[in-house]
């Protein structure tokens, strides 16, 4: 049994929720594993907003495990949900998929060319692979398997027997007007799509002209859920339905029938009770009166359970998606993010913000600043100067209760690796040469030392930086520009070239390029910057960029000089 070590928890949101979850679990189900849950609908690409549905309980579950408790993190795959619409921009999918609207997701064909047996399995596979890379362990629960196997039979019959009680709860909200949504300036269409959620919360609640029935069959004729229950007998469990799509009608015994499901607002609380869920977060779309989470808190009592504790989690935005992503008609997925950032960084973005705080995941230049921030945090952890809450967020990002996540052995600055990748176009020999010269006293001897961070930086350059923003080093000197320079500019270039050999390292070249304007101004190399000096340095840098890459800006000059090589620099700058 765990000790009372949890009384000295770190001052972070994860620890606070872990305290509550342990106390609640001991009250509701003492001696049993702590159950936390997430729900994902594989109705299309599962995006980074959906990932918060998983990361919030994962981080809490992992903290509970660290304290010695047994925990089950259930991920309910809502793969028995209806196929609602054909998502935009999914490869291998065209307008013909509209004929499957209304069928269970596991009855819809996978996109053309997929190796998976159906639509749901295709999109589950991508998310499952990303969660493995992120170190997220979980117990998968397929709702198709649960319903078609009859696992929920008693719960379904119980709901039908108590349909009047369920109807009375739902009736309290049907005539209520939802509060006006706060206006929010959309950042782009993809972010709006991320905020929409799966759409399950907007489904009908089972009310029909023939009465209230919380169960909806999938049609025996066309396989769709465009059915209406017209009669039900509690004693025999005989249920009659008709299909608005194909006109099919039949009477079945619900005690033996497995081709249908409870409506969403009843299905979710039924599962809370069935699984004994202690903790499950929900999106902000569930916070309004009459939402699934609010109504479920009352309906769950009909099944003998209690609503889980858990926060409403806020929106996750995207910073600067490239056209590659937005043209697909959807927001990026965890797999997209993991192509350009290491798992630790992505975990950290979710761990460091409270669930009710929105944040953005960077696909633009901001990713370089985020990596700088992460590297500074790692340095503070190493030297012991880190604040407790920051240390906790770092620990949750870098490792799980099962151990440390795989990491880059020698994590060079992401912006440096990106600059090198930009200049070399991925040429491994050139890349190794440049990286070996960054620090001659401790040269990189193999690219494996800087992987996988190098691979992520190369992917960022190739997929997220537009072609017209890439760095192309001149092949010939700009003779016209060189000829137009005055004697002062020529002298500054000679000073730079004269210092190359003695400053040929990243730190040395940094000192050199900042120092040339100081020497030109008659200042000491360690002179403090003044507005005049800063202006002179900017002018010098702009001249170097124009001579090297025909632009006013580019990668950091020390990195660019190393990448170009001393001989080629001399050829392009000789006056």
Protein backbone atom coordinates (compact mmCIF):
# COMPACT_ATOMS: atom_id res chain seq x y z
CA UNK A 1 0.00 0.00 0.00
CA UNK A 2 1.39 3.44 -0.85
CA UNK A 3 2.84 5.50 1.95
CA UNK A 4 1.68 8.98 2.82
CA UNK A 5 4.28 10.43 0.44
CA UNK A 6 1.51 12.09 -1.50
CA UNK A 7 1.13 14.69 1.26
CA UNK A 8 4.30 16.36 -0.05
CA UNK A 9 3.25 16.73 -3.66
CA UNK A 10 4.66 19.26 -6.07
CA UNK A 11 2.70 22.41 -6.56
CA UNK A 12 1.41 21.56 -10.04
CA UNK A 13 -2.06 20.87 -11.43
CA UNK A 14 -1.35 17.21 -12.09
CA UNK A 15 -0.49 16.51 -8.45
CA UNK A 16 -3.58 18.32 -7.24
CA UNK A 17 -5.83 16.23 -9.48
CA UNK A 18 -3.97 13.08 -8.44
CA UNK A 19 -4.74 13.90 -4.78
CA UNK A 20 -8.43 14.24 -5.63
CA UNK A 21 -8.52 11.11 -7.77
CA UNK A 22 -6.91 8.95 -5.09
CA UNK A 23 -9.27 10.24 -2.41
CA UNK A 24 -12.30 9.76 -4.65
CA UNK A 25 -11.21 6.27 -5.70
CA UNK A 26 -10.73 5.22 -2.08
CA UNK A 27 -14.22 6.52 -1.30
CA UNK A 28 -15.96 4.88 -4.28
CA UNK A 29 -13.97 1.70 -4.87
CA UNK A 30 -11.44 1.04 -2.09
CA UNK A 31 -8.85 -1.59 -2.93
CA UNK A 32 -9.64 -1.56 -6.65
CA UNK A 33 -7.56 -0.12 -9.49
CA UNK A 34 -8.05 3.59 -10.08
CA UNK A 35 -9.92 4.06 -13.38
CA UNK A 36 -9.41 7.13 -15.56
CA UNK A 37 -10.91 7.44 -19.03
CA UNK A 38 -10.71 9.17 -22.38
CA UNK A 39 -13.00 8.93 -25.37
CA UNK A 40 -11.92 9.30 -28.99
CA UNK A 41 -14.02 9.14 -32.13
CA UNK A 42 -12.10 7.77 -35.15
CA UNK A 43 -14.44 9.63 -37.50
CA UNK A 44 -11.46 11.15 -39.32
CA UNK A 45 -7.91 12.28 -38.52
CA UNK A 46 -7.63 12.61 -34.73
CA UNK A 47 -6.11 16.05 -34.23
CA UNK A 48 -4.01 17.80 -31.60
CA UNK A 49 -7.09 19.22 -29.90
CA UNK A 50 -8.35 15.67 -29.33
CA UNK A 51 -4.96 14.77 -27.86
CA UNK A 52 -5.79 16.85 -24.78
CA UNK A 53 -8.65 14.38 -24.11
CA UNK A 54 -5.92 11.75 -23.70
CA UNK A 55 -2.99 13.67 -22.24
CA UNK A 56 -4.95 15.15 -19.32
CA UNK A 57 -5.96 11.78 -17.80
CA UNK A 58 -2.66 10.21 -18.88
CA UNK A 59 -0.63 12.73 -16.88
CA UNK A 60 -2.88 12.31 -13.83
CA UNK A 61 -2.86 8.51 -14.14
CA UNK A 62 0.91 8.51 -14.43
CA UNK A 63 1.26 10.58 -11.26
CA UNK A 64 -1.05 8.17 -9.42
CA UNK A 65 1.09 5.27 -10.66
CA UNK A 66 4.26 7.00 -9.45
CA UNK A 67 2.73 6.97 -5.99
CA UNK A 68 2.34 3.20 -6.09
CA UNK A 69 -1.30 2.75 -7.05
CA UNK A 70 -2.61 0.47 -9.78
CA UNK A 71 -4.30 2.51 -12.50
CA UNK A 72 -6.26 1.70 -15.63
CA UNK A 73 -6.40 4.39 -18.31
CA UNK A 74 -9.27 3.40 -20.58
CA UNK A 75 -9.49 4.87 -24.05
CA UNK A 76 -12.96 4.26 -25.40
CA UNK A 77 -12.83 4.17 -29.16
CA UNK A 78 -16.25 5.47 -30.18
CA UNK A 79 -16.05 3.37 -33.32
CA UNK A 80 -19.73 2.38 -33.14
CA UNK A 81 -20.72 6.02 -33.58
CA UNK A 82 -22.47 6.93 -36.81
CA UNK A 83 -20.46 8.20 -39.77
CA UNK A 84 -21.64 11.81 -39.89
CA UNK A 85 -19.87 13.43 -42.82
CA UNK A 86 -17.10 12.95 -45.35
CA UNK A 87 -14.11 14.89 -43.98
CA UNK A 88 -12.32 17.25 -46.35
CA UNK A 89 -8.95 16.51 -47.82
CA UNK A 90 -8.44 12.90 -46.65
CA UNK A 91 -6.27 11.05 -49.15
CA UNK A 92 -8.07 8.16 -50.82
CA UNK A 93 -11.55 9.49 -50.04
CA UNK A 94 -14.00 11.10 -52.46
CA UNK A 95 -17.64 12.16 -52.53
CA UNK A 96 -18.78 8.55 -52.93
CA UNK A 97 -18.16 7.98 -49.21
CA UNK A 98 -21.32 10.00 -48.55
CA UNK A 99 -23.34 6.85 -49.28
CA UNK A 100 -22.07 5.46 -45.94
CA UNK A 101 -23.35 8.33 -43.78
CA UNK A 102 -25.39 6.85 -40.93
CA UNK A 103 -23.47 3.56 -40.71
CA UNK A 104 -21.22 2.65 -37.76
CA UNK A 105 -17.66 3.83 -38.34
CA UNK A 106 -16.48 0.21 -38.35
CA UNK A 107 -18.86 -0.52 -41.27
CA UNK A 108 -17.45 2.25 -43.47
CA UNK A 109 -14.67 1.31 -45.92
CA UNK A 110 -11.20 2.59 -45.14
CA UNK A 111 -9.72 5.22 -47.50
CA UNK A 112 -8.42 3.76 -50.77
CA UNK A 113 -4.99 2.24 -50.39
CA UNK A 114 -5.30 1.72 -46.63
CA UNK A 115 -4.08 -1.53 -45.12
CA UNK A 116 -6.83 -1.41 -42.50
CA UNK A 117 -10.19 -3.23 -42.69
CA UNK A 118 -12.45 -0.22 -42.13
CA UNK A 119 -12.65 3.53 -41.58
CA UNK A 120 -12.37 3.41 -37.79
CA UNK A 121 -9.36 1.10 -37.73
CA UNK A 122 -7.56 3.29 -40.27
CA UNK A 123 -7.71 6.38 -38.07
CA UNK A 124 -7.26 4.49 -34.80
CA UNK A 125 -3.97 3.07 -36.07
CA UNK A 126 -2.38 6.47 -36.66
CA UNK A 127 -3.36 7.71 -33.21
CA UNK A 128 -2.26 4.49 -31.51
CA UNK A 129 1.20 4.80 -33.09
CA UNK A 130 1.50 8.43 -31.93
CA UNK A 131 0.44 7.56 -28.38
CA UNK A 132 3.09 4.83 -28.26
CA UNK A 133 5.73 7.35 -29.32
CA UNK A 134 4.48 9.73 -26.62
CA UNK A 135 4.79 7.05 -23.94
CA UNK A 136 1.03 6.89 -23.32
CA UNK A 137 -0.04 3.44 -22.19
CA UNK A 138 -3.75 2.63 -22.13
CA UNK A 139 -6.39 -0.09 -22.21
CA UNK A 140 -8.33 0.20 -25.49
CA UNK A 141 -12.10 -0.37 -25.46
CA UNK A 142 -13.84 -0.74 -28.82
CA UNK A 143 -17.47 0.29 -28.51
CA UNK A 144 -18.24 -1.77 -31.62
CA UNK A 145 -16.91 -4.85 -29.81
CA UNK A 146 -18.79 -3.98 -26.62
CA UNK A 147 -22.15 -3.47 -28.28
CA UNK A 148 -22.00 -6.26 -30.87
CA UNK A 149 -20.84 -8.81 -28.28
CA UNK A 150 -23.76 -8.05 -25.98
CA UNK A 151 -21.48 -6.76 -23.20
CA UNK A 152 -23.93 -3.95 -22.48
CA UNK A 153 -27.10 -6.03 -22.78
CA UNK A 154 -28.22 -5.60 -19.17
CA UNK A 155 -27.44 -1.90 -19.27
CA UNK A 156 -29.49 -1.46 -22.45
CA UNK A 157 -32.48 -3.34 -21.05
CA UNK A 158 -32.16 -1.36 -17.81
CA UNK A 159 -32.17 1.92 -19.76
CA UNK A 160 -35.28 0.85 -21.67
CA UNK A 161 -37.07 -0.10 -18.45
CA UNK A 162 -36.19 3.30 -16.99
CA UNK A 163 -36.76 5.29 -20.18
CA UNK A 164 -39.43 7.43 -18.49
CA UNK A 165 -36.93 8.44 -15.78
CA UNK A 166 -34.29 9.26 -18.40
CA UNK A 167 -36.84 11.19 -20.46
CA UNK A 168 -37.82 13.23 -17.40
CA UNK A 169 -34.18 14.26 -16.85
CA UNK A 170 -33.70 15.20 -20.50
CA UNK A 171 -36.99 17.10 -20.56
CA UNK A 172 -35.59 19.53 -17.99
CA UNK A 173 -33.18 20.78 -20.65
CA UNK A 174 -34.99 20.40 -23.97
CA UNK A 175 -36.79 23.73 -23.70
CA UNK A 176 -33.88 25.60 -22.15
CA UNK A 177 -32.15 28.05 -24.39
CA UNK A 178 -28.40 27.56 -24.46
CA UNK A 179 -26.44 30.60 -23.33
CA UNK A 180 -24.98 32.73 -26.10
CA UNK A 181 -21.48 31.65 -26.97
CA UNK A 182 -18.72 34.11 -26.27
CA UNK A 183 -17.48 35.67 -29.45
CA UNK A 184 -14.04 34.58 -30.42
CA UNK A 185 -12.13 35.82 -33.40
CA UNK A 186 -11.23 32.70 -35.38
CA UNK A 187 -7.59 32.28 -36.18
CA UNK A 188 -8.27 30.14 -39.24
CA UNK A 189 -10.71 27.54 -40.53
CA UNK A 190 -8.62 24.65 -39.29
CA UNK A 191 -8.71 25.96 -35.72
CA UNK A 192 -12.48 26.28 -35.92
CA UNK A 193 -12.66 22.67 -37.03
CA UNK A 194 -10.56 21.67 -34.03
CA UNK A 195 -13.05 23.37 -31.72
CA UNK A 196 -16.05 21.56 -33.17
CA UNK A 197 -15.31 18.17 -31.62
CA UNK A 198 -16.75 14.91 -32.92
CA UNK A 199 -20.33 16.12 -33.18
CA UNK A 200 -21.71 13.36 -30.96
CA UNK A 201 -22.92 15.88 -28.39
CA UNK A 202 -25.35 17.29 -30.93
CA UNK A 203 -27.10 13.99 -31.69
CA UNK A 204 -30.79 13.50 -30.93
CA UNK A 205 -31.54 12.15 -27.46
CA UNK A 206 -34.04 9.42 -28.39
CA UNK A 207 -37.33 11.33 -28.38
CA UNK A 208 -39.84 10.13 -31.03
CA UNK A 209 -43.51 10.68 -31.84
CA UNK A 210 -44.19 7.19 -30.49
CA UNK A 211 -42.56 7.95 -27.15
CA UNK A 212 -39.09 8.11 -25.69
CA UNK A 213 -36.60 5.30 -26.45
CA UNK A 214 -32.92 5.69 -25.48
CA UNK A 215 -31.84 2.97 -27.93
CA UNK A 216 -31.30 3.31 -31.68
CA UNK A 217 -30.92 0.23 -33.92
CA UNK A 218 -28.80 0.14 -37.02
CA UNK A 219 -31.07 -0.90 -39.89
CA UNK A 220 -31.09 -4.56 -40.95
CA UNK A 221 -31.67 -3.43 -44.53
CA UNK A 222 -29.20 -0.59 -45.24
CA UNK A 223 -27.06 -0.71 -42.08
CA UNK A 224 -27.72 2.94 -41.19
CA UNK A 225 -29.05 4.52 -38.02
CA UNK A 226 -31.83 6.49 -39.75
CA UNK A 227 -34.27 4.38 -37.79
CA UNK A 228 -37.16 5.17 -35.48
CA UNK A 229 -38.34 2.86 -32.70
CA UNK A 230 -42.12 2.61 -32.95
CA UNK A 231 -42.89 0.13 -30.17
CA UNK A 232 -41.27 -1.68 -27.26
CA UNK A 233 -42.54 -4.28 -24.81
CA UNK A 234 -40.75 -4.42 -21.46
CA UNK A 235 -41.86 -7.96 -20.69
CA UNK A 236 -40.87 -9.63 -23.95
CA UNK A 237 -38.22 -7.00 -24.91
CA UNK A 238 -39.73 -6.97 -28.39
CA UNK A 239 -38.73 -3.79 -30.21
CA UNK A 240 -40.12 -2.61 -33.55
CA UNK A 241 -38.40 -0.04 -35.71
CA UNK A 242 -38.64 1.39 -39.21
CA UNK A 243 -35.93 2.92 -41.39
CA UNK A 244 -36.43 6.29 -43.05
CA UNK A 245 -33.63 5.59 -45.52
CA UNK A 246 -34.72 2.32 -47.11
CA UNK A 247 -38.17 1.65 -45.60
CA UNK A 248 -37.05 -1.55 -43.89
CA UNK A 249 -38.96 -2.54 -40.74
CA UNK A 250 -38.65 -5.41 -38.32
CA UNK A 251 -39.43 -6.57 -34.80
CA UNK A 252 -36.59 -8.00 -32.74
CA UNK A 253 -36.01 -9.18 -29.19
CA UNK A 254 -33.71 -6.64 -27.57
CA UNK A 255 -32.58 -9.32 -25.12
CA UNK A 256 -30.95 -11.08 -28.09
CA UNK A 257 -30.29 -8.20 -30.50
CA UNK A 258 -26.80 -6.64 -30.79
CA UNK A 259 -27.05 -4.27 -33.77
CA UNK A 260 -27.66 -0.89 -32.17
CA UNK A 261 -26.55 1.40 -29.36
CA UNK A 262 -27.78 3.72 -26.67
CA UNK A 263 -28.10 7.36 -27.71
CA UNK A 264 -25.04 9.38 -26.79
CA UNK A 265 -26.47 11.23 -23.79
CA UNK A 266 -27.32 7.87 -22.21
CA UNK A 267 -24.41 5.86 -23.58
CA UNK A 268 -21.73 8.01 -21.91
CA UNK A 269 -23.11 7.91 -18.33
CA UNK A 270 -23.89 4.21 -18.75
CA UNK A 271 -20.21 3.62 -19.42
CA UNK A 272 -19.16 5.70 -16.40
CA UNK A 273 -21.12 3.34 -14.20
CA UNK A 274 -20.15 0.17 -16.10
CA UNK A 275 -16.42 0.94 -15.98
CA UNK A 276 -16.32 2.68 -12.60
CA UNK A 277 -14.62 5.76 -14.03
CA UNK A 278 -13.19 8.08 -11.36
CA UNK A 279 -11.59 10.74 -13.59
CA UNK A 280 -12.45 11.88 -17.09
CA UNK A 281 -12.02 15.37 -18.53
CA UNK A 282 -14.40 16.87 -21.07
CA UNK A 283 -14.19 19.60 -23.66
CA UNK A 284 -15.59 23.09 -23.22
CA UNK A 285 -18.46 22.15 -25.56
CA UNK A 286 -19.81 20.02 -22.68
CA UNK A 287 -20.04 22.90 -20.21
CA UNK A 288 -23.42 24.32 -21.24
CA UNK A 289 -26.76 23.32 -19.64
CA UNK A 290 -28.15 20.24 -21.36
CA UNK A 291 -24.74 19.10 -22.58
CA UNK A 292 -23.81 15.43 -22.43
CA UNK A 293 -21.57 15.88 -19.40
CA UNK A 294 -24.08 17.92 -17.41
CA UNK A 295 -27.08 15.69 -18.19
CA UNK A 296 -24.94 12.58 -17.77
CA UNK A 297 -24.25 13.58 -14.20
CA UNK A 298 -27.94 12.93 -13.46
CA UNK A 299 -28.50 9.97 -15.77
CA UNK A 300 -25.52 8.05 -14.36
CA UNK A 301 -27.45 7.59 -11.10
CA UNK A 302 -30.05 5.49 -12.96
CA UNK A 303 -27.24 3.02 -13.66
CA UNK A 304 -26.07 3.08 -10.04
CA UNK A 305 -22.95 5.15 -10.66
CA UNK A 306 -21.52 8.62 -10.14
CA UNK A 307 -20.22 11.14 -12.61
CA UNK A 308 -16.40 11.18 -12.78
CA UNK A 309 -14.49 14.13 -11.47
CA UNK A 310 -12.45 16.00 -14.03
CA UNK A 311 -11.89 19.42 -15.55
CA UNK A 312 -13.27 21.03 -18.65
CA UNK A 313 -10.31 21.38 -20.95
CA UNK A 314 -9.70 24.40 -23.17
CA UNK A 315 -8.94 24.83 -26.81
CA UNK A 316 -5.61 23.84 -28.37
CA UNK A 317 -4.68 26.09 -31.27
CA UNK A 318 -2.12 25.83 -34.03
CA UNK A 319 0.49 28.48 -34.74
CA UNK A 320 1.39 28.94 -38.40
CA UNK A 321 0.34 25.80 -40.17
CA UNK A 322 1.97 25.50 -43.57
CA UNK A 323 -0.23 25.19 -46.63
CA UNK A 324 0.61 21.49 -46.61
CA UNK A 325 -1.53 21.07 -43.52
CA UNK A 326 -4.35 23.52 -44.10
CA UNK A 327 -4.96 22.37 -47.66
CA UNK A 328 -5.90 18.97 -46.32
CA UNK A 329 -9.01 20.53 -44.84
CA UNK A 330 -8.10 19.57 -41.28
CA UNK A 331 -5.89 20.50 -38.40
CA UNK A 332 -2.61 18.69 -37.75
CA UNK A 333 -2.58 15.39 -35.92
CA UNK A 334 -0.16 14.21 -33.22
CA UNK A 335 1.70 12.36 -35.98
CA UNK A 336 2.18 15.65 -37.83
CA UNK A 337 3.55 17.30 -34.69
CA UNK A 338 5.86 14.37 -33.93
CA UNK A 339 7.46 14.73 -37.35
CA UNK A 340 8.83 18.14 -36.32
CA UNK A 341 9.24 17.85 -32.54
CA UNK A 342 10.42 15.24 -30.09
CA UNK A 343 7.83 13.53 -27.85
CA UNK A 344 9.20 15.28 -24.75
CA UNK A 345 8.46 18.74 -26.18
CA UNK A 346 4.91 17.79 -27.20
CA UNK A 347 4.22 16.23 -23.79
CA UNK A 348 5.58 19.34 -22.10
CA UNK A 349 3.18 21.62 -23.95
CA UNK A 350 0.24 19.70 -22.44
CA UNK A 351 1.84 19.22 -19.02
CA UNK A 352 2.83 22.81 -18.29
CA UNK A 353 -0.61 24.35 -18.85
CA UNK A 354 -3.62 23.73 -16.64
CA UNK A 355 -6.38 21.97 -18.58
CA UNK A 356 -8.56 25.08 -18.56
CA UNK A 357 -5.78 27.14 -20.17
CA UNK A 358 -5.71 27.29 -23.95
CA UNK A 359 -2.37 27.17 -25.74
CA UNK A 360 -0.94 26.86 -29.23
CA UNK A 361 1.30 24.26 -30.80
CA UNK A 362 3.85 25.84 -33.11
CA UNK A 363 4.36 24.76 -36.69
CA UNK A 364 6.05 28.04 -37.61
CA UNK A 365 9.23 29.81 -36.46
CA UNK A 366 7.84 29.80 -32.92
CA UNK A 367 8.95 26.17 -32.61
CA UNK A 368 12.54 27.41 -32.38
CA UNK A 369 11.69 29.62 -29.41
CA UNK A 370 9.82 26.76 -27.73
CA UNK A 371 12.85 24.52 -28.11
CA UNK A 372 15.09 27.25 -26.67
CA UNK A 373 12.74 27.47 -23.70
CA UNK A 374 12.79 23.69 -23.24
CA UNK A 375 16.60 23.58 -23.40
CA UNK A 376 16.84 26.34 -20.78
CA UNK A 377 14.48 24.36 -18.57
CA UNK A 378 16.66 21.25 -18.97
CA UNK A 379 19.71 23.29 -17.96
CA UNK A 380 17.93 24.56 -14.84
CA UNK A 381 16.90 21.01 -13.94
CA UNK A 382 20.51 19.91 -14.33
CA UNK A 383 21.95 22.67 -12.13
CA UNK A 384 19.20 22.55 -9.51
CA UNK A 385 17.93 26.10 -10.03
CA UNK A 386 14.51 25.06 -11.40
CA UNK A 387 11.27 26.03 -9.64
CA UNK A 388 9.21 23.12 -8.23
CA UNK A 389 6.24 23.45 -10.61
CA UNK A 390 8.59 23.73 -13.61
CA UNK A 391 10.53 20.70 -12.39
CA UNK A 392 7.29 18.73 -12.15
CA UNK A 393 6.24 19.68 -15.70
CA UNK A 394 9.70 18.72 -16.99
CA UNK A 395 9.59 15.38 -15.22
CA UNK A 396 6.17 14.58 -16.67
CA UNK A 397 7.42 15.47 -20.15
CA UNK A 398 10.71 13.57 -19.99
CA UNK A 399 9.54 10.34 -18.38
CA UNK A 400 6.59 8.26 -17.25
CA UNK A 401 6.20 5.90 -14.32
CA UNK A 402 7.57 3.22 -16.67
CA UNK A 403 10.82 5.10 -17.27
CA UNK A 404 12.61 7.74 -19.33
CA UNK A 405 11.45 8.45 -22.87
CA UNK A 406 14.11 7.93 -25.58
CA UNK A 407 16.02 11.17 -26.06
CA UNK A 408 18.62 12.82 -28.27
CA UNK A 409 22.06 11.98 -26.77
CA UNK A 410 23.47 15.42 -27.61
CA UNK A 411 20.63 17.93 -27.97
CA UNK A 412 22.10 20.79 -29.99
CA UNK A 413 19.89 23.90 -30.33
CA UNK A 414 16.95 23.18 -32.64
CA UNK A 415 17.43 26.50 -34.45
CA UNK A 416 21.05 25.57 -35.24
CA UNK A 417 20.04 22.16 -36.58
CA UNK A 418 17.25 23.76 -38.63
CA UNK A 419 19.67 26.28 -40.12
CA UNK A 420 22.12 23.54 -41.03
CA UNK A 421 19.34 21.45 -42.57
CA UNK A 422 18.16 24.49 -44.50
CA UNK A 423 21.59 25.17 -45.95
CA UNK A 424 22.63 21.57 -46.68
CA UNK A 425 19.30 20.31 -47.99
CA UNK A 426 19.74 17.18 -45.88
CA UNK A 427 23.17 16.20 -47.25
CA UNK A 428 24.52 14.03 -44.42
CA UNK A 429 28.21 14.50 -45.17
CA UNK A 430 27.84 18.26 -45.29
CA UNK A 431 25.70 18.23 -42.16
CA UNK A 432 28.27 16.22 -40.22
CA UNK A 433 31.08 18.51 -41.37
CA UNK A 434 29.26 21.61 -40.15
CA UNK A 435 28.17 20.08 -36.84
CA UNK A 436 31.71 18.82 -36.19
CA UNK A 437 33.00 22.40 -36.56
CA UNK A 438 30.48 23.96 -34.17
CA UNK A 439 32.64 23.07 -31.19
CA UNK A 440 36.12 21.91 -32.28
CA UNK A 441 37.00 20.93 -28.71
CA UNK A 442 34.07 18.53 -28.59
CA UNK A 443 33.19 17.74 -32.19
CA UNK A 444 30.12 15.79 -33.25
CA UNK A 445 31.51 12.55 -34.69
CA UNK A 446 28.27 10.89 -35.79
CA UNK A 447 24.83 12.20 -36.73
CA UNK A 448 23.36 9.59 -34.38
CA UNK A 449 24.53 11.82 -31.52
CA UNK A 450 22.08 14.54 -32.56
CA UNK A 451 19.17 12.33 -33.60
CA UNK A 452 16.19 12.30 -33.43
CA UNK A 453 16.26 16.08 -32.93
CA UNK A 454 18.14 16.56 -36.20
CA UNK A 455 15.52 14.54 -38.08
CA UNK A 456 12.73 16.67 -36.59
CA UNK A 457 14.50 19.89 -37.59
CA UNK A 458 15.06 18.58 -41.13
CA UNK A 459 11.37 17.65 -41.38
CA UNK A 460 10.37 21.11 -40.16
CA UNK A 461 12.49 22.77 -42.83
CA UNK A 462 11.22 20.51 -45.62
CA UNK A 463 7.51 20.56 -44.73
CA UNK A 464 6.82 23.83 -42.92
CA UNK A 465 9.19 26.41 -44.41
CA UNK A 466 7.98 27.70 -47.80
CA UNK A 467 10.37 27.22 -50.71
CA UNK A 468 10.78 30.97 -51.18
CA UNK A 469 11.95 31.29 -47.57
CA UNK A 470 14.64 28.61 -47.87
CA UNK A 471 18.31 29.59 -47.85
CA UNK A 472 20.20 29.28 -51.11
CA UNK A 473 23.88 30.15 -50.91
CA UNK A 474 25.25 31.99 -53.94
CA UNK A 475 27.44 29.98 -56.28
CA UNK A 476 29.28 33.05 -57.60
CA UNK A 477 30.26 36.33 -55.91
CA UNK A 478 28.01 39.34 -56.40
CA UNK A 479 30.63 41.32 -58.30
CA UNK A 480 28.32 44.27 -58.90
CA UNK A 481 27.59 44.71 -55.19
CA UNK A 482 31.22 44.17 -54.23
CA UNK A 483 32.36 46.80 -56.74
CA UNK A 484 29.90 49.34 -55.34
CA UNK A 485 31.17 49.11 -51.75
CA UNK A 486 32.97 52.03 -50.14
CA UNK A 487 36.32 51.63 -48.39
CA UNK A 488 34.75 51.27 -44.94
CA UNK A 489 32.57 48.34 -46.04
CA UNK A 490 35.55 46.73 -47.79
CA UNK A 491 37.64 47.06 -44.63
CA UNK A 492 34.91 45.37 -42.56
CA UNK A 493 34.86 42.42 -44.95
CA UNK A 494 38.67 42.12 -44.81
CA UNK A 495 38.55 42.13 -41.01
CA UNK A 496 36.02 39.29 -41.10
CA UNK A 497 38.05 37.24 -43.59
CA UNK A 498 41.29 37.81 -41.67
CA UNK A 499 39.66 36.42 -38.52
CA UNK A 500 38.07 33.30 -39.97
CA UNK A 501 40.90 30.87 -39.24
CA UNK A 502 41.33 31.90 -35.61
CA UNK A 503 37.59 32.05 -34.93
CA UNK A 504 36.39 28.93 -36.78
CA UNK A 505 33.82 27.62 -34.30
CA UNK A 506 30.27 28.62 -33.46
CA UNK A 507 31.31 30.69 -30.44
CA UNK A 508 34.36 32.10 -32.22
CA UNK A 509 32.42 33.22 -35.28
CA UNK A 510 29.75 34.74 -33.04
CA UNK A 511 32.44 36.84 -31.38
CA UNK A 512 33.90 37.72 -34.79
CA UNK A 513 30.75 38.88 -36.59
CA UNK A 514 29.63 40.98 -33.61
CA UNK A 515 33.17 42.23 -33.06
CA UNK A 516 33.96 43.58 -36.54
CA UNK A 517 31.63 46.59 -36.21
CA UNK A 518 33.16 47.29 -32.77
CA UNK A 519 36.66 47.36 -34.22
CA UNK A 520 35.43 49.56 -37.07
CA UNK A 521 34.07 51.99 -34.46
CA UNK A 522 37.33 51.98 -32.50
CA UNK A 523 35.81 50.08 -29.58
CA UNK A 524 37.15 47.20 -27.49
CA UNK A 525 35.87 43.67 -28.36
CA UNK A 526 33.96 43.50 -25.06
CA UNK A 527 32.35 46.95 -25.44
CA UNK A 528 28.75 47.20 -24.27
CA UNK A 529 26.20 47.63 -27.08
CA UNK A 530 24.90 51.13 -27.76
CA UNK A 531 22.10 52.13 -30.16
CA UNK A 532 24.76 53.32 -32.65
CA UNK A 533 26.73 50.07 -32.36
CA UNK A 534 23.59 47.95 -32.78
CA UNK A 535 22.70 49.89 -35.94
CA UNK A 536 26.22 49.32 -37.31
CA UNK A 537 26.00 45.60 -36.53
CA UNK A 538 22.62 45.30 -38.29
CA UNK A 539 24.03 47.04 -41.37
CA UNK A 540 27.07 44.73 -41.39
CA UNK A 541 24.90 41.62 -41.01
CA UNK A 542 22.62 42.75 -43.86
CA UNK A 543 25.66 43.22 -46.11
CA UNK A 544 26.93 39.71 -45.34
CA UNK A 545 23.49 38.18 -46.02
CA UNK A 546 23.22 40.00 -49.36
CA UNK A 547 26.68 38.77 -50.40
CA UNK A 548 26.13 35.20 -49.22
CA UNK A 549 22.43 34.45 -49.88
CA UNK A 550 21.15 37.50 -51.82
CA UNK A 551 18.71 38.45 -49.07
CA UNK A 552 18.66 40.90 -46.18
CA UNK A 553 18.19 38.12 -43.58
CA UNK A 554 18.81 34.42 -43.16
CA UNK A 555 20.01 31.79 -40.67
CA UNK A 556 22.20 33.01 -37.80
CA UNK A 557 25.41 34.25 -39.39
CA UNK A 558 27.85 32.09 -37.38
CA UNK A 559 25.92 28.98 -38.41
CA UNK A 560 25.66 30.18 -41.99
CA UNK A 561 29.43 30.85 -42.20
CA UNK A 562 30.23 27.40 -40.83
CA UNK A 563 27.80 25.84 -43.28
CA UNK A 564 29.21 27.68 -46.28
CA UNK A 565 32.80 26.79 -45.34
CA UNK A 566 35.84 29.07 -45.00
CA UNK A 567 37.09 28.72 -48.57
CA UNK A 568 33.70 29.43 -50.10
CA UNK A 569 33.13 32.38 -47.74
CA UNK A 570 36.44 33.84 -48.92
CA UNK A 571 35.39 33.37 -52.53
CA UNK A 572 32.09 35.18 -52.01
CA UNK A 573 33.40 38.03 -49.83
CA UNK A 574 36.84 38.75 -51.33
CA UNK A 575 37.35 42.44 -52.11
